[in-house]
N, C-alpha and C. Protein backbone atom coordinates (compact mmCIF):
# COMPACT_ATOMS: atom_id res chain seq x y z
N MET A 1 17.36 10.45 -2.92
CA MET A 1 16.94 10.31 -1.54
C MET A 1 18.16 10.09 -0.67
N THR A 2 18.22 10.73 0.45
CA THR A 2 19.32 10.51 1.40
C THR A 2 18.74 10.04 2.71
N TYR A 3 19.56 9.39 3.49
CA TYR A 3 19.14 8.96 4.81
C TYR A 3 20.38 8.91 5.67
N SER A 4 20.17 8.86 6.95
CA SER A 4 21.30 8.81 7.87
C SER A 4 21.84 7.40 7.90
N SER A 5 23.03 7.23 7.37
CA SER A 5 23.63 5.91 7.28
C SER A 5 24.19 5.47 8.62
N PRO A 6 24.01 4.20 8.97
CA PRO A 6 24.58 3.70 10.21
C PRO A 6 26.09 3.57 10.16
N VAL A 7 26.69 3.71 8.98
CA VAL A 7 28.14 3.51 8.87
C VAL A 7 28.94 4.80 8.97
N ALA A 8 28.30 5.91 9.01
CA ALA A 8 29.04 7.17 9.09
C ALA A 8 28.14 8.23 9.71
N SER A 9 28.76 9.25 10.23
CA SER A 9 27.98 10.32 10.85
C SER A 9 27.65 11.39 9.83
N MET A 10 27.44 10.98 8.60
CA MET A 10 27.09 11.92 7.54
C MET A 10 25.90 11.36 6.78
N SER A 11 25.24 12.19 6.03
CA SER A 11 24.12 11.75 5.23
C SER A 11 24.66 11.10 3.97
N MET A 12 24.26 9.86 3.72
CA MET A 12 24.74 9.15 2.54
C MET A 12 23.55 8.67 1.74
N ARG A 13 23.75 8.49 0.45
CA ARG A 13 22.73 7.87 -0.37
C ARG A 13 22.69 6.39 -0.07
N TYR A 14 21.61 5.75 -0.47
CA TYR A 14 21.54 4.30 -0.34
C TYR A 14 22.63 3.71 -1.22
N LEU A 15 23.43 2.84 -0.67
CA LEU A 15 24.62 2.32 -1.33
C LEU A 15 24.38 0.98 -2.02
N GLY A 16 23.17 0.50 -2.00
CA GLY A 16 22.89 -0.82 -2.54
C GLY A 16 23.16 -1.86 -1.46
N PRO A 17 22.62 -3.06 -1.62
CA PRO A 17 22.77 -4.05 -0.56
C PRO A 17 24.22 -4.43 -0.28
N TYR A 18 25.02 -4.56 -1.31
CA TYR A 18 26.41 -4.96 -1.11
C TYR A 18 27.26 -3.77 -0.65
N GLY A 19 26.95 -2.59 -1.13
CA GLY A 19 27.66 -1.40 -0.68
C GLY A 19 27.43 -1.14 0.80
N GLU A 20 26.18 -1.29 1.24
CA GLU A 20 25.87 -1.13 2.67
C GLU A 20 26.61 -2.17 3.50
N MET A 21 26.57 -3.42 3.05
CA MET A 21 27.23 -4.49 3.78
C MET A 21 28.74 -4.24 3.86
N ALA A 22 29.33 -3.82 2.74
CA ALA A 22 30.77 -3.55 2.71
C ALA A 22 31.15 -2.40 3.62
N ALA A 23 30.34 -1.33 3.61
CA ALA A 23 30.65 -0.18 4.45
C ALA A 23 30.60 -0.55 5.93
N LYS A 24 29.60 -1.30 6.32
CA LYS A 24 29.49 -1.72 7.73
C LYS A 24 30.64 -2.65 8.11
N HIS A 25 30.94 -3.59 7.23
CA HIS A 25 32.03 -4.53 7.52
C HIS A 25 33.36 -3.79 7.64
N MET A 26 33.61 -2.89 6.67
CA MET A 26 34.88 -2.17 6.68
C MET A 26 34.99 -1.25 7.89
N GLN A 27 33.90 -0.58 8.24
CA GLN A 27 33.95 0.31 9.40
C GLN A 27 34.25 -0.48 10.67
N ARG A 28 33.66 -1.66 10.80
CA ARG A 28 33.85 -2.44 12.02
C ARG A 28 35.18 -3.18 12.05
N TRP A 29 35.54 -3.85 10.94
CA TRP A 29 36.69 -4.75 10.94
C TRP A 29 37.94 -4.18 10.28
N GLN A 30 37.80 -3.11 9.53
CA GLN A 30 38.94 -2.48 8.86
C GLN A 30 38.85 -0.97 9.00
N PRO A 31 38.84 -0.47 10.22
CA PRO A 31 38.63 0.97 10.43
C PRO A 31 39.71 1.85 9.80
N THR A 32 40.93 1.38 9.72
CA THR A 32 41.99 2.18 9.10
C THR A 32 41.72 2.34 7.61
N ALA A 33 41.35 1.25 6.96
CA ALA A 33 41.02 1.31 5.53
C ALA A 33 39.79 2.19 5.30
N PHE A 34 38.78 2.04 6.17
CA PHE A 34 37.57 2.85 6.05
C PHE A 34 37.90 4.33 6.20
N ALA A 35 38.72 4.67 7.19
CA ALA A 35 39.09 6.06 7.43
C ALA A 35 39.93 6.64 6.29
N SER A 36 40.63 5.76 5.55
CA SER A 36 41.48 6.25 4.46
C SER A 36 40.67 6.66 3.22
N ILE A 37 39.41 6.30 3.16
CA ILE A 37 38.55 6.72 2.05
C ILE A 37 38.06 8.12 2.37
N PRO A 38 38.41 9.12 1.56
CA PRO A 38 37.96 10.49 1.85
C PRO A 38 36.43 10.54 1.98
N VAL A 39 35.96 11.24 2.98
CA VAL A 39 34.51 11.31 3.25
C VAL A 39 33.72 11.69 2.00
N PRO A 40 34.14 12.69 1.21
CA PRO A 40 33.34 13.03 0.02
C PRO A 40 33.28 11.90 -1.02
N ASP A 41 34.24 10.97 -0.97
CA ASP A 41 34.31 9.89 -1.95
C ASP A 41 33.67 8.59 -1.48
N ARG A 42 33.20 8.53 -0.24
CA ARG A 42 32.68 7.27 0.30
C ARG A 42 31.44 6.78 -0.45
N ASP A 43 30.53 7.69 -0.75
CA ASP A 43 29.33 7.26 -1.50
C ASP A 43 29.73 6.57 -2.79
N SER A 44 30.54 7.25 -3.60
CA SER A 44 30.90 6.67 -4.90
C SER A 44 31.72 5.40 -4.74
N TYR A 45 32.59 5.33 -3.73
CA TYR A 45 33.40 4.13 -3.51
C TYR A 45 32.49 2.92 -3.25
N PHE A 46 31.54 3.07 -2.32
CA PHE A 46 30.69 1.94 -1.97
C PHE A 46 29.62 1.67 -3.02
N LEU A 47 29.17 2.69 -3.75
CA LEU A 47 28.25 2.46 -4.87
C LEU A 47 28.97 1.67 -5.97
N ASP A 48 30.22 2.06 -6.28
CA ASP A 48 30.99 1.33 -7.29
C ASP A 48 31.27 -0.10 -6.83
N LEU A 49 31.59 -0.28 -5.55
CA LEU A 49 31.83 -1.62 -5.02
C LEU A 49 30.55 -2.46 -5.11
N ASN A 50 29.41 -1.85 -4.81
CA ASN A 50 28.13 -2.55 -4.91
C ASN A 50 27.93 -3.08 -6.33
N GLU A 51 28.18 -2.23 -7.32
CA GLU A 51 28.01 -2.64 -8.73
C GLU A 51 29.01 -3.71 -9.12
N ALA A 52 30.26 -3.57 -8.69
CA ALA A 52 31.29 -4.56 -9.03
C ALA A 52 30.97 -5.92 -8.42
N VAL A 53 30.51 -5.93 -7.19
CA VAL A 53 30.16 -7.18 -6.52
C VAL A 53 28.94 -7.81 -7.19
N ALA A 54 27.92 -7.01 -7.49
CA ALA A 54 26.72 -7.55 -8.15
C ALA A 54 27.08 -8.15 -9.51
N GLU A 55 27.94 -7.48 -10.26
CA GLU A 55 28.36 -8.00 -11.57
C GLU A 55 29.18 -9.28 -11.42
N ALA A 56 30.07 -9.32 -10.45
CA ALA A 56 30.87 -10.53 -10.22
C ALA A 56 29.97 -11.70 -9.82
N ILE A 57 28.94 -11.42 -9.03
CA ILE A 57 28.00 -12.48 -8.64
C ILE A 57 27.25 -12.98 -9.87
N ARG A 58 26.79 -12.05 -10.72
CA ARG A 58 26.08 -12.47 -11.94
C ARG A 58 26.97 -13.34 -12.82
N GLN A 59 28.23 -12.96 -12.98
CA GLN A 59 29.14 -13.75 -13.81
C GLN A 59 29.39 -15.13 -13.21
N ARG A 60 29.64 -15.18 -11.91
CA ARG A 60 29.88 -16.46 -11.24
C ARG A 60 28.63 -17.32 -11.29
N GLU A 61 27.48 -16.71 -11.07
CA GLU A 61 26.21 -17.44 -11.10
C GLU A 61 25.97 -18.05 -12.47
N HIS A 62 26.30 -17.29 -13.51
CA HIS A 62 26.11 -17.78 -14.88
C HIS A 62 26.91 -19.07 -15.12
N SER A 63 28.08 -19.16 -14.52
CA SER A 63 28.90 -20.36 -14.71
C SER A 63 28.37 -21.55 -13.92
N LEU A 64 27.43 -21.32 -13.00
CA LEU A 64 26.91 -22.39 -12.15
C LEU A 64 25.50 -22.84 -12.50
N ILE A 65 24.85 -22.18 -13.46
CA ILE A 65 23.45 -22.51 -13.72
C ILE A 65 23.33 -23.92 -14.29
N PRO A 66 22.24 -24.60 -13.94
CA PRO A 66 22.03 -25.97 -14.42
C PRO A 66 21.62 -25.95 -15.89
N PRO A 67 21.72 -27.10 -16.55
CA PRO A 67 21.33 -27.15 -17.97
C PRO A 67 19.83 -26.89 -18.12
N THR A 68 19.46 -26.21 -19.20
CA THR A 68 18.05 -25.90 -19.42
C THR A 68 17.22 -27.16 -19.67
N SER A 69 17.85 -28.24 -20.07
CA SER A 69 17.11 -29.49 -20.25
C SER A 69 16.47 -29.93 -18.94
N LEU A 70 17.10 -29.58 -17.81
CA LEU A 70 16.53 -29.92 -16.51
C LEU A 70 15.21 -29.17 -16.28
N ALA A 71 15.10 -27.96 -16.82
CA ALA A 71 13.87 -27.19 -16.67
C ALA A 71 12.70 -27.90 -17.35
N LEU A 72 12.98 -28.61 -18.43
CA LEU A 72 11.91 -29.32 -19.14
C LEU A 72 11.51 -30.60 -18.43
N SER A 73 12.47 -31.24 -17.77
CA SER A 73 12.17 -32.53 -17.14
C SER A 73 11.74 -32.40 -15.68
N ASP A 74 12.32 -31.45 -14.95
CA ASP A 74 11.99 -31.31 -13.52
C ASP A 74 12.13 -29.84 -13.14
N HIS A 75 11.06 -29.10 -13.36
CA HIS A 75 11.12 -27.64 -13.16
C HIS A 75 11.43 -27.28 -11.72
N GLN A 76 10.89 -28.00 -10.77
CA GLN A 76 11.14 -27.70 -9.35
C GLN A 76 12.62 -27.86 -9.02
N GLU A 77 13.23 -28.93 -9.51
CA GLU A 77 14.67 -29.14 -9.28
C GLU A 77 15.49 -28.05 -9.97
N TYR A 78 15.07 -27.67 -11.18
CA TYR A 78 15.76 -26.61 -11.91
C TYR A 78 15.71 -25.30 -11.13
N ALA A 79 14.54 -24.94 -10.61
CA ALA A 79 14.39 -23.71 -9.83
C ALA A 79 15.27 -23.77 -8.58
N ALA A 80 15.29 -24.92 -7.93
CA ALA A 80 16.13 -25.06 -6.73
C ALA A 80 17.60 -24.89 -7.07
N GLN A 81 18.04 -25.48 -8.18
CA GLN A 81 19.44 -25.35 -8.58
C GLN A 81 19.77 -23.92 -9.02
N MET A 82 18.81 -23.23 -9.63
CA MET A 82 19.04 -21.82 -9.99
C MET A 82 19.23 -20.99 -8.73
N ASN A 83 18.39 -21.20 -7.73
CA ASN A 83 18.54 -20.48 -6.47
C ASN A 83 19.88 -20.80 -5.81
N MET A 84 20.24 -22.06 -5.81
CA MET A 84 21.50 -22.46 -5.20
C MET A 84 22.70 -21.87 -5.95
N SER A 85 22.61 -21.77 -7.27
CA SER A 85 23.72 -21.19 -8.02
C SER A 85 23.92 -19.73 -7.62
N HIS A 86 22.82 -19.00 -7.38
CA HIS A 86 22.95 -17.62 -6.94
C HIS A 86 23.58 -17.55 -5.55
N LEU A 87 23.10 -18.39 -4.64
CA LEU A 87 23.63 -18.36 -3.27
C LEU A 87 25.12 -18.74 -3.24
N MET A 88 25.50 -19.75 -4.02
CA MET A 88 26.91 -20.16 -4.04
C MET A 88 27.78 -19.06 -4.63
N ALA A 89 27.30 -18.43 -5.70
CA ALA A 89 28.06 -17.34 -6.32
C ALA A 89 28.19 -16.16 -5.36
N GLU A 90 27.11 -15.81 -4.70
CA GLU A 90 27.12 -14.69 -3.76
C GLU A 90 28.10 -14.95 -2.62
N GLU A 91 28.05 -16.15 -2.05
CA GLU A 91 28.94 -16.48 -0.95
C GLU A 91 30.41 -16.38 -1.37
N ALA A 92 30.74 -16.93 -2.52
CA ALA A 92 32.13 -16.91 -2.98
C ALA A 92 32.61 -15.48 -3.26
N VAL A 93 31.79 -14.70 -3.94
CA VAL A 93 32.19 -13.34 -4.30
C VAL A 93 32.29 -12.45 -3.06
N LEU A 94 31.34 -12.57 -2.15
CA LEU A 94 31.42 -11.75 -0.94
C LEU A 94 32.67 -12.07 -0.14
N THR A 95 33.04 -13.33 -0.08
CA THR A 95 34.25 -13.73 0.64
C THR A 95 35.49 -13.18 -0.04
N GLU A 96 35.51 -13.19 -1.36
CA GLU A 96 36.68 -12.73 -2.11
C GLU A 96 36.80 -11.21 -2.17
N MET A 97 35.68 -10.51 -2.29
CA MET A 97 35.74 -9.07 -2.58
C MET A 97 35.39 -8.15 -1.42
N MET A 98 34.61 -8.62 -0.44
CA MET A 98 34.10 -7.70 0.56
C MET A 98 34.41 -8.08 1.99
N LEU A 99 34.14 -9.29 2.34
CA LEU A 99 34.26 -9.68 3.74
C LEU A 99 35.68 -10.13 4.03
N LEU A 100 36.57 -9.15 3.99
CA LEU A 100 38.00 -9.40 4.14
C LEU A 100 38.38 -9.50 5.61
N ALA A 101 39.55 -10.04 5.86
CA ALA A 101 40.02 -10.28 7.22
C ALA A 101 40.10 -8.98 8.02
N PRO A 102 39.84 -9.06 9.32
CA PRO A 102 39.93 -7.88 10.19
C PRO A 102 41.37 -7.40 10.31
N GLU A 103 41.50 -6.13 10.63
CA GLU A 103 42.82 -5.59 10.92
C GLU A 103 43.34 -6.25 12.20
N PRO A 104 44.66 -6.37 12.32
CA PRO A 104 45.22 -6.99 13.54
C PRO A 104 44.75 -6.25 14.79
N GLY A 105 44.44 -7.04 15.82
CA GLY A 105 44.06 -6.48 17.10
C GLY A 105 42.59 -6.15 17.25
N LEU A 106 41.77 -6.37 16.22
CA LEU A 106 40.35 -6.03 16.33
C LEU A 106 39.51 -7.15 16.91
N ALA A 107 40.00 -8.36 16.85
CA ALA A 107 39.25 -9.45 17.49
C ALA A 107 39.42 -9.31 18.99
N GLY A 108 38.48 -9.85 19.75
CA GLY A 108 38.58 -9.80 21.20
C GLY A 108 39.86 -10.48 21.68
N GLU A 109 40.24 -10.23 22.89
CA GLU A 109 41.47 -10.80 23.41
C GLU A 109 41.42 -12.32 23.33
N GLY A 110 42.34 -12.89 22.58
CA GLY A 110 42.43 -14.33 22.44
C GLY A 110 41.32 -14.93 21.60
N GLU A 111 40.43 -14.11 21.03
CA GLU A 111 39.32 -14.60 20.22
C GLU A 111 39.55 -14.28 18.75
N GLU A 112 39.10 -15.16 17.92
CA GLU A 112 39.06 -14.88 16.49
C GLU A 112 37.62 -14.52 16.15
N PRO A 113 37.40 -13.64 15.17
CA PRO A 113 36.03 -13.35 14.78
C PRO A 113 35.36 -14.61 14.24
N GLU A 114 34.07 -14.70 14.38
CA GLU A 114 33.33 -15.88 13.94
C GLU A 114 33.35 -15.98 12.42
N THR A 115 33.55 -17.19 11.92
CA THR A 115 33.54 -17.44 10.48
C THR A 115 32.58 -18.57 10.17
N ASP A 116 32.18 -18.63 8.89
CA ASP A 116 31.35 -19.76 8.47
C ASP A 116 32.24 -20.88 7.97
N SER A 117 31.65 -21.93 7.41
CA SER A 117 32.43 -23.10 7.00
C SER A 117 33.41 -22.80 5.87
N THR A 118 33.20 -21.70 5.13
CA THR A 118 34.12 -21.35 4.05
C THR A 118 35.24 -20.43 4.52
N GLY A 119 35.15 -19.99 5.76
CA GLY A 119 36.15 -19.06 6.28
C GLY A 119 35.74 -17.60 6.18
N ALA A 120 34.55 -17.33 5.63
CA ALA A 120 34.08 -15.95 5.51
C ALA A 120 33.75 -15.42 6.91
N TYR A 121 34.14 -14.20 7.17
CA TYR A 121 33.88 -13.60 8.47
C TYR A 121 32.41 -13.20 8.57
N LEU A 122 31.78 -13.55 9.69
CA LEU A 122 30.38 -13.26 9.91
C LEU A 122 30.24 -12.00 10.76
N ASP A 123 29.34 -11.14 10.37
CA ASP A 123 29.05 -9.93 11.13
C ASP A 123 27.67 -10.11 11.72
N GLN A 124 27.60 -10.51 12.98
CA GLN A 124 26.32 -10.80 13.62
C GLN A 124 25.46 -9.55 13.75
N GLY A 125 26.07 -8.37 13.63
CA GLY A 125 25.31 -7.14 13.75
C GLY A 125 24.67 -6.70 12.45
N TRP A 126 24.95 -7.39 11.33
CA TRP A 126 24.42 -6.96 10.04
C TRP A 126 22.96 -7.34 9.93
N ARG A 127 22.17 -6.40 9.46
CA ARG A 127 20.76 -6.64 9.16
C ARG A 127 20.50 -6.14 7.76
N SER A 128 19.52 -6.74 7.12
CA SER A 128 19.13 -6.31 5.79
C SER A 128 18.78 -4.82 5.83
N PRO A 129 19.22 -4.05 4.82
CA PRO A 129 18.84 -2.64 4.78
C PRO A 129 17.33 -2.46 4.80
N ARG A 130 16.58 -3.41 4.28
CA ARG A 130 15.11 -3.34 4.29
C ARG A 130 14.59 -3.29 5.72
N LEU A 131 15.24 -4.01 6.64
CA LEU A 131 14.76 -4.07 8.00
C LEU A 131 15.10 -2.81 8.80
N GLU A 132 16.00 -1.99 8.29
CA GLU A 132 16.40 -0.78 9.00
C GLU A 132 15.54 0.41 8.62
N LEU A 133 14.62 0.24 7.69
CA LEU A 133 13.80 1.34 7.22
C LEU A 133 12.36 1.15 7.67
N SER A 134 11.67 2.25 7.90
CA SER A 134 10.23 2.17 8.15
C SER A 134 9.56 1.84 6.82
N ASP A 135 8.30 1.45 6.88
CA ASP A 135 7.58 1.15 5.65
C ASP A 135 7.53 2.36 4.72
N ALA A 136 7.35 3.55 5.29
CA ALA A 136 7.29 4.77 4.47
C ALA A 136 8.64 5.02 3.79
N GLU A 137 9.74 4.82 4.52
CA GLU A 137 11.06 5.01 3.92
C GLU A 137 11.31 3.99 2.81
N TRP A 138 10.89 2.74 3.03
CA TRP A 138 11.07 1.70 2.02
C TRP A 138 10.26 2.03 0.78
N GLN A 139 9.02 2.49 0.95
CA GLN A 139 8.19 2.86 -0.19
C GLN A 139 8.80 4.03 -0.95
N ALA A 140 9.38 4.99 -0.22
CA ALA A 140 10.03 6.13 -0.87
C ALA A 140 11.23 5.66 -1.68
N ARG A 141 11.99 4.71 -1.14
CA ARG A 141 13.15 4.18 -1.86
C ARG A 141 12.70 3.45 -3.12
N GLN A 142 11.61 2.69 -3.04
CA GLN A 142 11.09 1.98 -4.20
C GLN A 142 10.63 2.98 -5.26
N ALA A 143 9.98 4.06 -4.82
CA ALA A 143 9.53 5.09 -5.76
C ALA A 143 10.73 5.75 -6.44
N GLU A 144 11.81 5.93 -5.70
CA GLU A 144 13.02 6.55 -6.25
C GLU A 144 13.58 5.74 -7.42
N ILE A 145 13.50 4.42 -7.33
CA ILE A 145 14.04 3.60 -8.42
C ILE A 145 12.98 3.26 -9.45
N GLY A 146 11.76 3.80 -9.27
CA GLY A 146 10.72 3.64 -10.27
C GLY A 146 9.91 2.37 -10.14
N TRP A 147 9.93 1.73 -8.99
CA TRP A 147 9.15 0.50 -8.81
C TRP A 147 7.88 0.81 -8.06
N SER A 148 6.79 0.22 -8.51
CA SER A 148 5.53 0.35 -7.77
C SER A 148 4.83 -0.99 -7.80
N PRO A 149 4.07 -1.32 -6.75
CA PRO A 149 3.37 -2.61 -6.73
C PRO A 149 2.41 -2.77 -7.90
N ALA A 150 1.79 -1.69 -8.34
CA ALA A 150 0.83 -1.78 -9.44
C ALA A 150 1.54 -2.12 -10.75
N ALA A 151 2.69 -1.48 -10.99
CA ALA A 151 3.42 -1.71 -12.24
C ALA A 151 4.20 -3.01 -12.18
N GLY A 152 4.71 -3.35 -11.00
CA GLY A 152 5.52 -4.56 -10.85
C GLY A 152 6.87 -4.38 -11.50
N SER A 153 7.77 -5.25 -11.16
CA SER A 153 9.11 -5.16 -11.74
C SER A 153 9.59 -6.50 -12.25
N GLY A 154 8.83 -7.55 -12.01
CA GLY A 154 9.30 -8.86 -12.39
C GLY A 154 10.22 -9.47 -11.36
N GLN A 155 10.45 -8.78 -10.25
CA GLN A 155 11.35 -9.26 -9.21
C GLN A 155 10.65 -9.19 -7.86
N PRO A 156 11.01 -10.09 -6.96
CA PRO A 156 10.54 -9.90 -5.58
C PRO A 156 11.13 -8.63 -5.00
N GLU A 157 10.41 -7.99 -4.07
CA GLU A 157 10.87 -6.73 -3.49
C GLU A 157 12.26 -6.83 -2.89
N ASP A 158 12.59 -7.97 -2.27
CA ASP A 158 13.88 -8.08 -1.59
C ASP A 158 15.04 -8.21 -2.56
N GLN A 159 14.77 -8.33 -3.87
CA GLN A 159 15.87 -8.46 -4.82
C GLN A 159 16.02 -7.23 -5.70
N ILE A 160 15.18 -6.24 -5.52
CA ILE A 160 15.28 -5.05 -6.35
C ILE A 160 16.62 -4.39 -6.12
N GLY A 161 17.31 -4.12 -7.20
CA GLY A 161 18.59 -3.43 -7.10
C GLY A 161 19.78 -4.35 -7.15
N ASP A 162 19.61 -5.64 -6.85
CA ASP A 162 20.81 -6.48 -6.89
C ASP A 162 20.75 -7.56 -7.94
N ARG A 163 19.64 -7.66 -8.68
CA ARG A 163 19.57 -8.62 -9.77
C ARG A 163 18.75 -8.01 -10.89
N PRO A 164 19.13 -8.21 -12.14
CA PRO A 164 18.38 -7.63 -13.24
C PRO A 164 17.04 -8.31 -13.41
N ALA A 165 16.07 -7.55 -13.92
CA ALA A 165 14.75 -8.13 -14.19
C ALA A 165 14.84 -9.06 -15.39
N GLY A 166 13.99 -10.07 -15.38
CA GLY A 166 13.82 -10.94 -16.52
C GLY A 166 14.90 -11.88 -16.68
């Protein structure tokens, strides 16, 4: 399935959540680096980056998971800590691998781009790829990856593609 990507004036495949985020960030804050990626290679570059970031998040998350003994004593706390381990891993990896500093001169005159408490650059224009699609387009994308509500995938819809099932 192809769709008109907001990051380029060409038809691109869905790049995954991290690939989309990286392409938008790079186009806005690192236009020279973005332009240096040959147009025919952009899909594969951002698809590969999506996979590398997702794998780095999984590895970092694994190092942060709480002990399984907590699951037996306080399941709600265990679930909360599991969610937090994913969020902490994602934040660290995105800051290290994707949300890199802007090229000189791209911030407004005398302004620095907005950052969060960790120093990661915030892109206020970023929206979830799910929100940029109509319901029909989202259903078509789900069908492309073989997910259907009847069959289920073991994952919430908003996590399909960025975390393994089970």
